[in-house]
Amino acid sequence: RDEAVLRSDDNIPYDGGADGGVFPIALLESAVKYTRPEEIRLQLRQTHESTEDGRHRWTLCLEAMDNGGQPSEVAAVRFHLHPTFQPSTILVTKPPFIAGPFIGWGVFDVRVDVEFLQ
């Protein structure tokens, strides 16, 4: 049965069975669109420098963890800043995925949403 499927045009329905059967190539290719073959490792990097008046100038950047470059799997990044920043949500839709520079005086948590390419 498996040899016949391998010699076919891949248009053979899956017949199940304990061995898992043979999946048509089209079915496997469609599944690849929704899975990732390896883990995507990203890092959020912050730059910082003090200003002359005691405040802070800073930026945020989303990078690939393996080489510090631009992550090719990312479609968009949304940075959610403190509500006193206007706008408080920054959407970046192309590399480099950088928000800032900003100037502020305190500390706060930043939420980052990452949208991946399909």
PDB file of N, CA and C in Angstrom:
ATOM      1  N   ARG A   1       0.826  -1.188   0.000  1.00  0.00           N
ATOM      2  CA  ARG A   1       0.000   0.000   0.000  1.00  0.00           C
ATOM      3  C   ARG A   1       0.867   1.247   0.000  1.00  0.00           C
ATOM      4  N   ASP A   2       1.878   1.347   0.869  1.00  0.00           N
ATOM      5  CA  ASP A   2       2.710   2.541   0.952  1.00  0.00           C
ATOM      6  C   ASP A   2       3.484   2.769  -0.337  1.00  0.00           C
ATOM      7  N   GLU A   3       3.971   1.697  -0.965  1.00  0.00           N
ATOM      8  CA  GLU A   3       4.686   1.855  -2.230  1.00  0.00           C
ATOM      9  C   GLU A   3       3.772   2.409  -3.311  1.00  0.00           C
ATOM     10  N   ALA A   4       2.502   1.970  -3.312  1.00  0.00           N
ATOM     11  CA  ALA A   4       1.545   2.468  -4.296  1.00  0.00           C
ATOM     12  C   ALA A   4       1.293   3.947  -4.087  1.00  0.00           C
ATOM     13  N   VAL A   5       1.209   4.367  -2.838  1.00  0.00           N
ATOM     14  CA  VAL A   5       0.975   5.786  -2.538  1.00  0.00           C
ATOM     15  C   VAL A   5       2.178   6.615  -2.959  1.00  0.00           C
ATOM     16  N   LEU A   6       3.368   6.132  -2.690  1.00  0.00           N
ATOM     17  CA  LEU A   6       4.569   6.878  -3.055  1.00  0.00           C
ATOM     18  C   LEU A   6       4.706   7.029  -4.564  1.00  0.00           C
ATOM     19  N   ARG A   7       4.193   6.067  -5.335  1.00  0.00           N
ATOM     20  CA  ARG A   7       4.259   6.147  -6.794  1.00  0.00           C
ATOM     21  C   ARG A   7       3.089   6.928  -7.377  1.00  0.00           C
ATOM     22  N   SER A   8       2.102   7.307  -6.544  1.00  0.00           N
ATOM     23  CA  SER A   8       0.888   7.954  -7.041  1.00  0.00           C
ATOM     24  C   SER A   8       1.096   9.449  -7.214  1.00  0.00           C
ATOM     25  N   ASP A   9       0.001  10.126  -7.583  1.00  0.00           N
ATOM     26  CA  ASP A   9       0.047  11.577  -7.738  1.00  0.00           C
ATOM     27  C   ASP A   9      -0.323  12.301  -6.444  1.00  0.00           C
ATOM     28  N   ASP A  10      -0.219  11.626  -5.315  1.00  0.00           N
ATOM     29  CA  ASP A  10      -0.510  12.158  -3.977  1.00  0.00           C
ATOM     30  C   ASP A  10      -1.988  12.381  -3.730  1.00  0.00           C
ATOM     31  N   ASN A  11      -2.838  11.919  -4.583  1.00  0.00           N
ATOM     32  CA  ASN A  11      -4.271  12.107  -4.416  1.00  0.00           C
ATOM     33  C   ASN A  11      -4.899  10.826  -3.868  1.00  0.00           C
ATOM     34  N   ILE A  12      -4.315  10.273  -2.812  1.00  0.00           N
ATOM     35  CA  ILE A  12      -4.792   9.051  -2.192  1.00  0.00           C
ATOM     36  C   ILE A  12      -5.365   9.423  -0.829  1.00  0.00           C
ATOM     37  N   PRO A  13      -6.623   9.040  -0.536  1.00  0.00           N
ATOM     38  CA  PRO A  13      -7.190   9.383   0.773  1.00  0.00           C
ATOM     39  C   PRO A  13      -6.501   8.613   1.892  1.00  0.00           C
ATOM     40  N   TYR A  14      -6.438   9.208   3.055  1.00  0.00           N
ATOM     41  CA  TYR A  14      -5.858   8.567   4.232  1.00  0.00           C
ATOM     42  C   TYR A  14      -6.801   7.457   4.673  1.00  0.00           C
ATOM     43  N   ASP A  15      -6.241   6.235   4.847  1.00  0.00           N
ATOM     44  CA  ASP A  15      -7.096   5.124   5.234  1.00  0.00           C
ATOM     45  C   ASP A  15      -6.881   4.700   6.680  1.00  0.00           C
ATOM     46  N   GLY A  16      -6.172   5.481   7.444  1.00  0.00           N
ATOM     47  CA  GLY A  16      -5.986   5.174   8.858  1.00  0.00           C
ATOM     48  C   GLY A  16      -5.095   3.973   9.056  1.00  0.00           C
ATOM     49  N   GLY A  17      -5.392   3.244  10.112  1.00  0.00           N
ATOM     50  CA  GLY A  17      -4.613   2.053  10.396  1.00  0.00           C
ATOM     51  C   GLY A  17      -3.651   2.308  11.533  1.00  0.00           C
ATOM     52  N   ALA A  18      -3.187   1.228  12.126  1.00  0.00           N
ATOM     53  CA  ALA A  18      -2.324   1.321  13.301  1.00  0.00           C
ATOM     54  C   ALA A  18      -0.987   1.985  12.988  1.00  0.00           C
ATOM     55  N   ASP A  19      -0.535   1.851  11.734  1.00  0.00           N
ATOM     56  CA  ASP A  19       0.760   2.436  11.384  1.00  0.00           C
ATOM     57  C   ASP A  19       0.660   3.926  11.075  1.00  0.00           C
ATOM     58  N   GLY A  20      -0.541   4.502  11.146  1.00  0.00           N
ATOM     59  CA  GLY A  20      -0.726   5.916  10.864  1.00  0.00           C
ATOM     60  C   GLY A  20      -0.985   6.180   9.404  1.00  0.00           C
ATOM     61  N   GLY A  21      -0.765   5.194   8.550  1.00  0.00           N
ATOM     62  CA  GLY A  21      -1.031   5.385   7.133  1.00  0.00           C
ATOM     63  C   GLY A  21      -0.035   6.357   6.506  1.00  0.00           C
ATOM     64  N   VAL A  22      -0.335   6.770   5.310  1.00  0.00           N
ATOM     65  CA  VAL A  22       0.487   7.737   4.578  1.00  0.00           C
ATOM     66  C   VAL A  22      -0.379   8.951   4.315  1.00  0.00           C
ATOM     67  N   PHE A  23       0.119  10.122   4.669  1.00  0.00           N
ATOM     68  CA  PHE A  23      -0.631  11.356   4.472  1.00  0.00           C
ATOM     69  C   PHE A  23      -0.337  11.928   3.093  1.00  0.00           C
ATOM     70  N   PRO A  24      -1.342  12.361   2.365  1.00  0.00           N
ATOM     71  CA  PRO A  24      -1.091  13.026   1.087  1.00  0.00           C
ATOM     72  C   PRO A  24      -0.268  14.293   1.298  1.00  0.00           C
ATOM     73  N   ILE A  25       0.601  14.606   0.363  1.00  0.00           N
ATOM     74  CA  ILE A  25       1.473  15.785   0.446  1.00  0.00           C
ATOM     75  C   ILE A  25       0.656  17.063   0.646  1.00  0.00           C
ATOM     76  N   ALA A  26      -0.472  17.197  -0.043  1.00  0.00           N
ATOM     77  CA  ALA A  26      -1.291  18.404   0.076  1.00  0.00           C
ATOM     78  C   ALA A  26      -1.758  18.613   1.508  1.00  0.00           C
ATOM     79  N   LEU A  27      -2.094  17.532   2.208  1.00  0.00           N
ATOM     80  CA  LEU A  27      -2.537  17.644   3.598  1.00  0.00           C
ATOM     81  C   LEU A  27      -1.386  18.111   4.481  1.00  0.00           C
ATOM     82  N   LEU A  28      -0.199  17.571   4.275  1.00  0.00           N
ATOM     83  CA  LEU A  28       0.957  17.988   5.066  1.00  0.00           C
ATOM     84  C   LEU A  28       1.320  19.441   4.796  1.00  0.00           C
ATOM     85  N   GLU A  29       1.289  19.850   3.527  1.00  0.00           N
ATOM     86  CA  GLU A  29       1.617  21.235   3.198  1.00  0.00           C
ATOM     87  C   GLU A  29       0.624  22.203   3.813  1.00  0.00           C
ATOM     88  N   SER A  30      -0.646  21.831   3.876  1.00  0.00           N
ATOM     89  CA  SER A  30      -1.625  22.727   4.486  1.00  0.00           C
ATOM     90  C   SER A  30      -1.418  22.825   5.993  1.00  0.00           C
ATOM     91  N   ALA A  31      -0.953  21.763   6.626  1.00  0.00           N
ATOM     92  CA  ALA A  31      -0.706  21.796   8.065  1.00  0.00           C
ATOM     93  C   ALA A  31       0.497  22.659   8.410  1.00  0.00           C
ATOM     94  N   VAL A  32       1.486  22.734   7.529  1.00  0.00           N
ATOM     95  CA  VAL A  32       2.693  23.518   7.792  1.00  0.00           C
ATOM     96  C   VAL A  32       2.356  24.991   7.953  1.00  0.00           C
ATOM     97  N   LYS A  33       1.306  25.470   7.299  1.00  0.00           N
ATOM     98  CA  LYS A  33       0.941  26.887   7.407  1.00  0.00           C
ATOM     99  C   LYS A  33       0.568  27.267   8.832  1.00  0.00           C
ATOM    100  N   TYR A  34       0.158  26.301   9.646  1.00  0.00           N
ATOM    101  CA  TYR A  34      -0.335  26.595  10.982  1.00  0.00           C
ATOM    102  C   TYR A  34       0.605  26.140  12.081  1.00  0.00           C
ATOM    103  N   THR A  35       1.747  25.611  11.730  1.00  0.00           N
ATOM    104  CA  THR A  35       2.724  25.190  12.728  1.00  0.00           C
ATOM    105  C   THR A  35       4.063  25.808  12.402  1.00  0.00           C
ATOM    106  N   ARG A  36       4.923  25.854  13.393  1.00  0.00           N
ATOM    107  CA  ARG A  36       6.256  26.401  13.200  1.00  0.00           C
ATOM    108  C   ARG A  36       7.264  25.280  13.456  1.00  0.00           C
ATOM    109  N   PRO A  37       8.223  25.085  12.566  1.00  0.00           N
ATOM    110  CA  PRO A  37       9.150  23.970  12.710  1.00  0.00           C
ATOM    111  C   PRO A  37      10.105  24.125  13.889  1.00  0.00           C
ATOM    112  N   GLU A  38      10.329  25.322  14.327  1.00  0.00           N
ATOM    113  CA  GLU A  38      11.233  25.523  15.454  1.00  0.00           C
ATOM    114  C   GLU A  38      10.728  26.678  16.307  1.00  0.00           C
ATOM    115  N   GLU A  39      11.236  26.725  17.512  1.00  0.00           N
ATOM    116  CA  GLU A  39      10.846  27.783  18.429  1.00  0.00           C
ATOM    117  C   GLU A  39      11.389  29.127  17.948  1.00  0.00           C
ATOM    118  N   ILE A  40      10.572  30.154  18.063  1.00  0.00           N
ATOM    119  CA  ILE A  40      11.003  31.501  17.702  1.00  0.00           C
ATOM    120  C   ILE A  40      11.447  32.189  18.990  1.00  0.00           C
ATOM    121  N   ARG A  41      12.681  32.619  19.024  1.00  0.00           N
ATOM    122  CA  ARG A  41      13.234  33.230  20.232  1.00  0.00           C
ATOM    123  C   ARG A  41      13.435  34.715  19.981  1.00  0.00           C
ATOM    124  N   LEU A  42      12.733  35.523  20.779  1.00  0.00           N
ATOM    125  CA  LEU A  42      12.801  36.975  20.655  1.00  0.00           C
ATOM    126  C   LEU A  42      13.287  37.570  21.960  1.00  0.00           C
ATOM    127  N   GLN A  43      13.851  38.766  21.862  1.00  0.00           N
ATOM    128  CA  GLN A  43      14.253  39.488  23.067  1.00  0.00           C
ATOM    129  C   GLN A  43      13.815  40.937  22.951  1.00  0.00           C
ATOM    130  N   LEU A  44      13.434  41.501  24.071  1.00  0.00           N
ATOM    131  CA  LEU A  44      13.080  42.906  24.146  1.00  0.00           C
ATOM    132  C   LEU A  44      14.270  43.625  24.761  1.00  0.00           C
ATOM    133  N   ARG A  45      14.800  44.590  24.026  1.00  0.00           N
ATOM    134  CA  ARG A  45      15.979  45.330  24.496  1.00  0.00           C
ATOM    135  C   ARG A  45      15.585  46.776  24.749  1.00  0.00           C
ATOM    136  N   GLN A  46      16.114  47.323  25.821  1.00  0.00           N
ATOM    137  CA  GLN A  46      15.860  48.729  26.166  1.00  0.00           C
ATOM    138  C   GLN A  46      17.172  49.485  26.157  1.00  0.00           C
ATOM    139  N   THR A  47      17.151  50.669  25.526  1.00  0.00           N
ATOM    140  CA  THR A  47      18.290  51.579  25.648  1.00  0.00           C
ATOM    141  C   THR A  47      17.909  52.634  26.682  1.00  0.00           C
ATOM    142  N   HIS A  48      18.894  53.235  27.298  1.00  0.00           N
ATOM    143  CA  HIS A  48      18.615  54.241  28.315  1.00  0.00           C
ATOM    144  C   HIS A  48      19.786  55.196  28.434  1.00  0.00           C
ATOM    145  N   GLU A  49      19.457  56.465  28.605  1.00  0.00           N
ATOM    146  CA  GLU A  49      20.472  57.456  28.977  1.00  0.00           C
ATOM    147  C   GLU A  49      19.780  58.535  29.805  1.00  0.00           C
ATOM    148  N   SER A  50      20.504  59.084  30.742  1.00  0.00           N
ATOM    149  CA  SER A  50      19.960  60.154  31.575  1.00  0.00           C
ATOM    150  C   SER A  50      20.042  61.474  30.828  1.00  0.00           C
ATOM    151  N   THR A  51      19.036  62.315  31.054  1.00  0.00           N
ATOM    152  CA  THR A  51      19.046  63.651  30.460  1.00  0.00           C
ATOM    153  C   THR A  51      19.647  64.630  31.455  1.00  0.00           C
ATOM    154  N   GLU A  52      19.958  65.834  30.997  1.00  0.00           N
ATOM    155  CA  GLU A  52      20.570  66.836  31.872  1.00  0.00           C
ATOM    156  C   GLU A  52      19.653  67.243  33.022  1.00  0.00           C
ATOM    157  N   ASP A  53      18.338  67.161  32.818  1.00  0.00           N
ATOM    158  CA  ASP A  53      17.408  67.568  33.880  1.00  0.00           C
ATOM    159  C   ASP A  53      16.959  66.405  34.765  1.00  0.00           C
ATOM    160  N   GLY A  54      17.661  65.251  34.707  1.00  0.00           N
ATOM    161  CA  GLY A  54      17.377  64.136  35.600  1.00  0.00           C
ATOM    162  C   GLY A  54      16.305  63.173  35.106  1.00  0.00           C
ATOM    163  N   ARG A  55      15.829  63.381  33.915  1.00  0.00           N
ATOM    164  CA  ARG A  55      14.838  62.441  33.384  1.00  0.00           C
ATOM    165  C   ARG A  55      15.568  61.341  32.591  1.00  0.00           C
ATOM    166  N   HIS A  56      14.789  60.514  31.915  1.00  0.00           N
ATOM    167  CA  HIS A  56      15.349  59.358  31.214  1.00  0.00           C
ATOM    168  C   HIS A  56      14.923  59.371  29.752  1.00  0.00           C
ATOM    169  N   ARG A  57      15.881  59.169  28.858  1.00  0.00           N
ATOM    170  CA  ARG A  57      15.593  58.986  27.434  1.00  0.00           C
ATOM    171  C   ARG A  57      15.797  57.507  27.142  1.00  0.00           C
ATOM    172  N   TRP A  58      14.769  56.863  26.568  1.00  0.00           N
ATOM    173  CA  TRP A  58      14.843  55.424  26.365  1.00  0.00           C
ATOM    174  C   TRP A  58      14.077  54.987  25.118  1.00  0.00           C
ATOM    175  N   THR A  59      14.432  53.808  24.635  1.00  0.00           N
ATOM    176  CA  THR A  59      13.736  53.167  23.517  1.00  0.00           C
ATOM    177  C   THR A  59      13.556  51.690  23.855  1.00  0.00           C
ATOM    178  N   LEU A  60      12.617  51.064  23.168  1.00  0.00           N
ATOM    179  CA  LEU A  60      12.420  49.620  23.253  1.00  0.00           C
ATOM    180  C   LEU A  60      12.571  49.047  21.851  1.00  0.00           C
ATOM    181  N   CYS A  61      13.170  47.853  21.765  1.00  0.00           N
ATOM    182  CA  CYS A  61      13.386  47.217  20.476  1.00  0.00           C
ATOM    183  C   CYS A  61      13.169  45.712  20.621  1.00  0.00           C
ATOM    184  N   LEU A  62      12.358  45.137  19.730  1.00  0.00           N
ATOM    185  CA  LEU A  62      12.180  43.692  19.686  1.00  0.00           C
ATOM    186  C   LEU A  62      13.137  43.142  18.637  1.00  0.00           C
ATOM    187  N   GLU A  63      13.958  42.153  19.045  1.00  0.00           N
ATOM    188  CA  GLU A  63      14.988  41.598  18.172  1.00  0.00           C
ATOM    189  C   GLU A  63      14.938  40.077  18.205  1.00  0.00           C
ATOM    190  N   ALA A  64      15.574  39.465  17.215  1.00  0.00           N
ATOM    191  CA  ALA A  64      15.788  38.022  17.239  1.00  0.00           C
ATOM    192  C   ALA A  64      16.852  37.723  18.288  1.00  0.00           C
ATOM    193  N   MET A  65      16.614  36.730  19.111  1.00  0.00           N
ATOM    194  CA  MET A  65      17.545  36.446  20.195  1.00  0.00           C
ATOM    195  C   MET A  65      18.857  35.836  19.692  1.00  0.00           C
ATOM    196  N   ASP A  66      18.804  35.075  18.609  1.00  0.00           N
ATOM    197  CA  ASP A  66      20.009  34.380  18.170  1.00  0.00           C
ATOM    198  C   ASP A  66      21.085  35.301  17.609  1.00  0.00           C
ATOM    199  N   ASN A  67      20.687  36.381  16.912  1.00  0.00           N
ATOM    200  CA  ASN A  67      21.715  37.237  16.324  1.00  0.00           C
ATOM    201  C   ASN A  67      21.509  38.726  16.599  1.00  0.00           C
ATOM    202  N   GLY A  68      20.477  39.078  17.361  1.00  0.00           N
ATOM    203  CA  GLY A  68      20.210  40.479  17.657  1.00  0.00           C
ATOM    204  C   GLY A  68      19.698  41.262  16.471  1.00  0.00           C
ATOM    205  N   GLY A  69      19.392  40.562  15.381  1.00  0.00           N
ATOM    206  CA  GLY A  69      18.896  41.223  14.182  1.00  0.00           C
ATOM    207  C   GLY A  69      17.385  41.315  14.173  1.00  0.00           C
ATOM    208  N   GLN A  70      16.865  41.636  13.020  1.00  0.00           N
ATOM    209  CA  GLN A  70      15.420  41.782  12.867  1.00  0.00           C
ATOM    210  C   GLN A  70      14.769  40.414  12.733  1.00  0.00           C
ATOM    211  N   PRO A  71      13.726  40.144  13.531  1.00  0.00           N
ATOM    212  CA  PRO A  71      13.060  38.847  13.445  1.00  0.00           C
ATOM    213  C   PRO A  71      12.213  38.752  12.171  1.00  0.00           C
ATOM    214  N   SER A  72      12.555  37.828  11.293  1.00  0.00           N
ATOM    215  CA  SER A  72      11.863  37.714  10.010  1.00  0.00           C
ATOM    216  C   SER A  72      10.455  37.144  10.136  1.00  0.00           C
ATOM    217  N   GLU A  73      10.122  36.513  11.270  1.00  0.00           N
ATOM    218  CA  GLU A  73       8.815  35.895  11.448  1.00  0.00           C
ATOM    219  C   GLU A  73       7.763  36.866  11.978  1.00  0.00           C
ATOM    220  N   VAL A  74       8.150  38.087  12.304  1.00  0.00           N
ATOM    221  CA  VAL A  74       7.256  39.038  12.958  1.00  0.00           C
ATOM    222  C   VAL A  74       6.612  39.964  11.926  1.00  0.00           C
ATOM    223  N   ALA A  75       5.292  40.102  12.033  1.00  0.00           N
ATOM    224  CA  ALA A  75       4.540  40.993  11.140  1.00  0.00           C
ATOM    225  C   ALA A  75       4.356  42.368  11.761  1.00  0.00           C
ATOM    226  N   ALA A  76       4.137  42.416  13.077  1.00  0.00           N
ATOM    227  CA  ALA A  76       3.890  43.697  13.750  1.00  0.00           C
ATOM    228  C   ALA A  76       4.144  43.547  15.247  1.00  0.00           C
ATOM    229  N   VAL A  77       4.466  44.664  15.874  1.00  0.00           N
ATOM    230  CA  VAL A  77       4.678  44.705  17.320  1.00  0.00           C
ATOM    231  C   VAL A  77       3.898  45.891  17.867  1.00  0.00           C
ATOM    232  N   ARG A  78       3.164  45.651  18.948  1.00  0.00           N
ATOM    233  CA  ARG A  78       2.396  46.715  19.601  1.00  0.00           C
ATOM    234  C   ARG A  78       2.961  46.900  21.015  1.00  0.00           C
ATOM    235  N   PHE A  79       3.475  48.097  21.273  1.00  0.00           N
ATOM    236  CA  PHE A  79       4.037  48.439  22.576  1.00  0.00           C
ATOM    237  C   PHE A  79       2.976  49.224  23.351  1.00  0.00           C
ATOM    238  N   HIS A  80       2.626  48.761  24.552  1.00  0.00           N
ATOM    239  CA  HIS A  80       1.633  49.435  25.395  1.00  0.00           C
ATOM    240  C   HIS A  80       2.380  50.136  26.532  1.00  0.00           C
ATOM    241  N   LEU A  81       2.442  51.455  26.453  1.00  0.00           N
ATOM    242  CA  LEU A  81       3.166  52.258  27.428  1.00  0.00           C
ATOM    243  C   LEU A  81       2.231  52.718  28.545  1.00  0.00           C
ATOM    244  N   HIS A  82       2.782  53.442  29.489  1.00  0.00           N
ATOM    245  CA  HIS A  82       1.977  54.047  30.566  1.00  0.00           C
ATOM    246  C   HIS A  82       0.962  55.002  29.943  1.00  0.00           C
ATOM    247  N   PRO A  83      -0.256  55.085  30.491  1.00  0.00           N
ATOM    248  CA  PRO A  83      -1.292  55.932  29.889  1.00  0.00           C
ATOM    249  C   PRO A  83      -0.965  57.425  29.839  1.00  0.00           C
ATOM    250  N   THR A  84       0.042  57.871  30.556  1.00  0.00           N
ATOM    251  CA  THR A  84       0.415  59.289  30.478  1.00  0.00           C
ATOM    252  C   THR A  84       1.151  59.614  29.176  1.00  0.00           C
ATOM    253  N   PHE A  85       1.629  58.585  28.465  1.00  0.00           N
ATOM    254  CA  PHE A  85       2.239  58.803  27.154  1.00  0.00           C
ATOM    255  C   PHE A  85       1.127  58.916  26.120  1.00  0.00           C
ATOM    256  N   GLN A  86       1.262  59.858  25.219  1.00  0.00           N
ATOM    257  CA  GLN A  86       0.269  60.035  24.158  1.00  0.00           C
ATOM    258  C   GLN A  86       0.963  60.020  22.804  1.00  0.00           C
ATOM    259  N   PRO A  87       0.685  59.046  21.967  1.00  0.00           N
ATOM    260  CA  PRO A  87      -0.226  57.930  22.237  1.00  0.00           C
ATOM    261  C   PRO A  87       0.425  56.916  23.178  1.00  0.00           C
ATOM    262  N   SER A  88      -0.389  56.190  23.908  1.00  0.00           N
ATOM    263  CA  SER A  88       0.153  55.212  24.859  1.00  0.00           C
ATOM    264  C   SER A  88       0.345  53.837  24.221  1.00  0.00           C
ATOM    265  N   THR A  89      -0.189  53.635  23.029  1.00  0.00           N
ATOM    266  CA  THR A  89       0.030  52.391  22.290  1.00  0.00           C
ATOM    267  C   THR A  89       0.739  52.726  20.982  1.00  0.00           C
ATOM    268  N   ILE A  90       1.865  52.058  20.762  1.00  0.00           N
ATOM    269  CA  ILE A  90       2.676  52.290  19.573  1.00  0.00           C
ATOM    270  C   ILE A  90       2.644  51.011  18.734  1.00  0.00           C
ATOM    271  N   LEU A  91       2.187  51.127  17.496  1.00  0.00           N
ATOM    272  CA  LEU A  91       2.148  49.989  16.583  1.00  0.00           C
ATOM    273  C   LEU A  91       3.261  50.142  15.554  1.00  0.00           C
ATOM    274  N   VAL A  92       4.123  49.133  15.446  1.00  0.00           N
ATOM    275  CA  VAL A  92       5.213  49.124  14.473  1.00  0.00           C
ATOM    276  C   VAL A  92       4.967  47.931  13.542  1.00  0.00           C
ATOM    277  N   THR A  93       4.803  48.218  12.255  1.00  0.00           N
ATOM    278  CA  THR A  93       4.407  47.170  11.304  1.00  0.00           C
ATOM    279  C   THR A  93       5.509  46.731  10.351  1.00  0.00           C
ATOM    280  N   LYS A  94       6.714  47.257  10.536  1.00  0.00           N
ATOM    281  CA  LYS A  94       7.834  46.787   9.708  1.00  0.00           C
ATOM    282  C   LYS A  94       9.130  46.975  10.486  1.00  0.00           C
ATOM    283  N   PRO A  95      10.134  46.162  10.175  1.00  0.00           N
ATOM    284  CA  PRO A  95      11.406  46.302  10.877  1.00  0.00           C
ATOM    285  C   PRO A  95      12.074  47.626  10.547  1.00  0.00           C
ATOM    286  N   PRO A  96      12.875  48.148  11.438  1.00  0.00           N
ATOM    287  CA  PRO A  96      13.157  47.619  12.771  1.00  0.00           C
ATOM    288  C   PRO A  96      11.988  47.874  13.715  1.00  0.00           C
ATOM    289  N   PHE A  97      11.733  46.932  14.619  1.00  0.00           N
ATOM    290  CA  PHE A  97      10.605  47.023  15.548  1.00  0.00           C
ATOM    291  C   PHE A  97      11.035  47.799  16.791  1.00  0.00           C
ATOM    292  N   ILE A  98      11.107  49.132  16.621  1.00  0.00           N
ATOM    293  CA  ILE A  98      11.598  50.030  17.665  1.00  0.00           C
ATOM    294  C   ILE A  98      10.500  51.013  18.044  1.00  0.00           C
ATOM    295  N   ALA A  99      10.348  51.224  19.344  1.00  0.00           N
ATOM    296  CA  ALA A  99       9.449  52.264  19.861  1.00  0.00           C
ATOM    297  C   ALA A  99      10.318  53.266  20.610  1.00  0.00           C
ATOM    298  N   GLY A 100      10.178  54.538  20.270  1.00  0.00           N
ATOM    299  CA  GLY A 100      10.939  55.568  20.938  1.00  0.00           C
ATOM    300  C   GLY A 100      11.775  56.344  19.947  1.00  0.00           C
ATOM    301  N   PRO A 101      12.579  57.261  20.439  1.00  0.00           N
ATOM    302  CA  PRO A 101      12.902  57.459  21.856  1.00  0.00           C
ATOM    303  C   PRO A 101      11.801  58.208  22.602  1.00  0.00           C
ATOM    304  N   PHE A 102      11.736  57.934  23.890  1.00  0.00           N
ATOM    305  CA  PHE A 102      10.802  58.589  24.794  1.00  0.00           C
ATOM    306  C   PHE A 102      11.595  59.274  25.898  1.00  0.00           C
ATOM    307  N   ILE A 103      10.977  60.268  26.520  1.00  0.00           N
ATOM    308  CA  ILE A 103      11.576  60.913  27.684  1.00  0.00           C
ATOM    309  C   ILE A 103      10.562  60.857  28.798  1.00  0.00           C
ATOM    310  N   GLY A 104      11.003  60.390  29.968  1.00  0.00           N
ATOM    311  CA  GLY A 104      10.109  60.279  31.129  1.00  0.00           C
ATOM    312  C   GLY A 104      10.887  60.380  32.415  1.00  0.00           C
ATOM    313  N   TRP A 105      10.166  60.244  33.523  1.00  0.00           N
ATOM    314  CA  TRP A 105      10.816  60.434  34.819  1.00  0.00           C
ATOM    315  C   TRP A 105      10.633  59.259  35.763  1.00  0.00           C
ATOM    316  N   GLY A 106       9.777  58.297  35.447  1.00  0.00           N
ATOM    317  CA  GLY A 106       9.522  57.193  36.377  1.00  0.00           C
ATOM    318  C   GLY A 106       9.671  55.846  35.700  1.00  0.00           C
ATOM    319  N   VAL A 107       9.263  54.801  36.417  1.00  0.00           N
ATOM    320  CA  VAL A 107       9.302  53.442  35.885  1.00  0.00           C
ATOM    321  C   VAL A 107       7.878  52.903  35.804  1.00  0.00           C
ATOM    322  N   PHE A 108       7.646  51.988  34.874  1.00  0.00           N
ATOM    323  CA  PHE A 108       6.343  51.356  34.720  1.00  0.00           C
ATOM    324  C   PHE A 108       6.514  50.095  33.883  1.00  0.00           C
ATOM    325  N   ASP A 109       5.534  49.212  33.950  1.00  0.00           N
ATOM    326  CA  ASP A 109       5.542  47.997  33.143  1.00  0.00           C
ATOM    327  C   ASP A 109       5.086  48.321  31.728  1.00  0.00           C
ATOM    328  N   VAL A 110       5.674  47.634  30.761  1.00  0.00           N
ATOM    329  CA  VAL A 110       5.300  47.779  29.355  1.00  0.00           C
ATOM    330  C   VAL A 110       4.806  46.409  28.871  1.00  0.00           C
ATOM    331  N   ARG A 111       3.634  46.387  28.258  1.00  0.00           N
ATOM    332  CA  ARG A 111       3.148  45.160  27.638  1.00  0.00           C
ATOM    333  C   ARG A 111       3.487  45.228  26.157  1.00  0.00           C
ATOM    334  N   VAL A 112       3.937  44.087  25.609  1.00  0.00           N
ATOM    335  CA  VAL A 112       4.308  44.018  24.200  1.00  0.00           C
ATOM    336  C   VAL A 112       3.523  42.866  23.565  1.00  0.00           C
ATOM    337  N   ASP A 113       2.769  43.166  22.506  1.00  0.00           N
ATOM    338  CA  ASP A 113       2.060  42.155  21.743  1.00  0.00           C
ATOM    339  C   ASP A 113       2.794  41.943  20.434  1.00  0.00           C
ATOM    340  N   VAL A 114       3.034  40.700  20.065  1.00  0.00           N
ATOM    341  CA  VAL A 114       3.751  40.363  18.838  1.00  0.00           C
ATOM    342  C   VAL A 114       2.794  39.613  17.917  1.00  0.00           C
ATOM    343  N   GLU A 115       2.688  40.093  16.689  1.00  0.00           N
ATOM    344  CA  GLU A 115       1.882  39.416  15.667  1.00  0.00           C
ATOM    345  C   GLU A 115       2.849  38.760  14.690  1.00  0.00           C
ATOM    346  N   PHE A 116       2.670  37.461  14.471  1.00  0.00           N
ATOM    347  CA  PHE A 116       3.569  36.712  13.598  1.00  0.00           C
ATOM    348  C   PHE A 116       3.009  36.637  12.183  1.00  0.00           C
ATOM    349  N   LEU A 117       3.900  36.482  11.226  1.00  0.00           N
ATOM    350  CA  LEU A 117       3.493  36.293   9.836  1.00  0.00           C
ATOM    351  C   LEU A 117       2.776  34.958   9.709  1.00  0.00           C
ATOM    352  N   GLN A 118       1.834  34.889   8.820  1.00  0.00           N
ATOM    353  CA  GLN A 118       1.085  33.629   8.629  1.00  0.00           C
ATOM    354  C   GLN A 118       1.859  32.679   7.766  1.00  0.00           C
TER     355      GLN A 118
END
